[in-house]
Amino acid sequence: TSASVAHMTSPSGWVEPGQRPDFDEFTVVLRGALHVKGKDGHTLLVEAGQAVIAHAGEWVQYSTPGPDGADYVAVCVPAFSMETVHRDE
């Protein structure tokens, strides 16, 4: 099974389109905080030193509403691709 690892930096106010990927995504926040919203509308606050897992087939949306943005590492198994992320229109 292939995997991808990405070091991401997101600015304050960034909101990624919702997605329902075909991969598991493991996210570790290094600095700042991420909001991780699920299909039920519940939002998790994931702060520096914490991690979250979004399982394949689950709808998820990431954002960084905090004033300092965030740095985080995203590990996708199998690897991320635009064909398998299934972002909302």
Protein backbone atom coordinates (compact mmCIF):
# COMPACT_ATOMS: atom_id res chain seq x y z
CA THR A 1 0.00 0.00 0.00
CA SER A 2 1.34 3.42 -0.92
CA ALA A 3 1.25 6.45 1.34
CA SER A 4 1.82 10.19 1.04
CA VAL A 5 3.24 12.57 3.63
CA ALA A 6 2.80 16.34 3.33
CA HIS A 7 3.93 19.20 5.57
CA MET A 8 1.16 21.78 5.25
CA THR A 9 1.01 25.45 6.24
CA SER A 10 -2.38 27.14 6.26
CA PRO A 11 -3.09 30.82 6.93
CA SER A 12 -5.64 32.25 9.33
CA GLY A 13 -9.12 32.07 7.82
CA TRP A 14 -8.34 29.20 5.41
CA VAL A 15 -11.21 26.77 4.75
CA GLU A 16 -10.69 23.69 2.58
CA PRO A 17 -13.66 22.38 0.59
CA GLY A 18 -15.37 19.42 2.22
CA GLN A 19 -14.22 16.05 0.94
CA ARG A 20 -15.03 12.35 1.12
CA PRO A 21 -11.69 10.71 0.28
CA ASP A 22 -10.93 7.10 -0.59
CA PHE A 23 -7.96 7.14 1.84
CA ASP A 24 -7.39 7.33 5.59
CA GLU A 25 -5.84 10.68 6.59
CA PHE A 26 -3.77 11.02 9.74
CA THR A 27 -3.17 14.67 10.67
CA VAL A 28 -0.67 15.86 13.31
CA VAL A 29 -0.77 19.56 14.21
CA LEU A 30 2.69 21.04 14.79
CA ARG A 31 1.76 24.72 15.38
CA GLY A 32 -1.53 26.55 15.79
CA ALA A 33 -4.81 24.65 15.52
CA LEU A 34 -7.07 23.02 12.96
CA HIS A 35 -10.84 22.76 13.03
CA VAL A 36 -11.95 19.38 11.67
CA LYS A 37 -15.66 19.28 10.82
CA GLY A 38 -17.55 16.01 10.31
CA LYS A 39 -20.72 15.26 8.34
CA ASP A 40 -22.83 15.63 11.52
CA GLY A 41 -21.68 19.26 11.80
CA HIS A 42 -19.57 18.59 14.91
CA THR A 43 -16.18 20.33 14.81
CA LEU A 44 -13.08 19.10 16.62
CA LEU A 45 -10.41 21.56 17.70
CA VAL A 46 -7.04 19.88 17.08
CA GLU A 47 -4.20 21.86 18.66
CA ALA A 48 -0.40 21.66 18.43
CA GLY A 49 0.80 18.27 19.69
CA GLN A 50 -2.53 16.59 18.93
CA ALA A 51 -3.62 14.38 16.04
CA VAL A 52 -6.84 13.29 14.35
CA ILE A 53 -7.76 10.48 11.95
CA ALA A 54 -10.32 10.85 9.17
CA HIS A 55 -11.24 7.43 7.81
CA ALA A 56 -11.76 6.65 4.14
CA GLY A 57 -15.33 7.35 3.05
CA GLU A 58 -16.05 9.85 5.84
CA TRP A 59 -16.93 13.44 4.89
CA VAL A 60 -14.51 15.91 6.47
CA GLN A 61 -13.62 19.60 6.20
CA TYR A 62 -10.45 21.24 7.52
CA SER A 63 -10.04 24.91 8.42
CA THR A 64 -7.76 27.23 10.38
CA PRO A 65 -9.86 30.04 11.86
CA GLY A 66 -7.29 30.97 14.51
CA PRO A 67 -5.26 34.18 14.17
CA ASP A 68 -1.94 32.40 13.56
CA GLY A 69 -2.92 29.72 11.04
CA ALA A 70 -1.38 26.27 11.43
CA ASP A 71 1.43 23.95 10.44
CA TYR A 72 0.59 20.27 10.28
CA VAL A 73 1.60 16.97 8.74
CA ALA A 74 -0.95 14.96 6.77
CA VAL A 75 -0.29 11.26 6.10
CA CYS A 76 -2.66 9.60 3.62
CA VAL A 77 -2.94 5.82 3.16
CA PRO A 78 -3.21 5.00 0.32
CA ALA A 79 -1.55 8.12 -1.08
CA PHE A 80 -3.45 11.37 -1.69
CA SER A 81 -4.52 12.08 -5.24
CA MET A 82 -6.93 14.57 -6.80
CA GLU A 83 -8.82 11.61 -8.28
CA THR A 84 -9.49 10.02 -4.86
CA VAL A 85 -10.05 13.06 -2.59
CA HIS A 86 -13.61 13.71 -3.91
CA ARG A 87 -13.84 17.40 -2.90
CA ASP A 88 -17.22 19.12 -2.77
CA GLU A 89 -18.16 21.27 -5.75
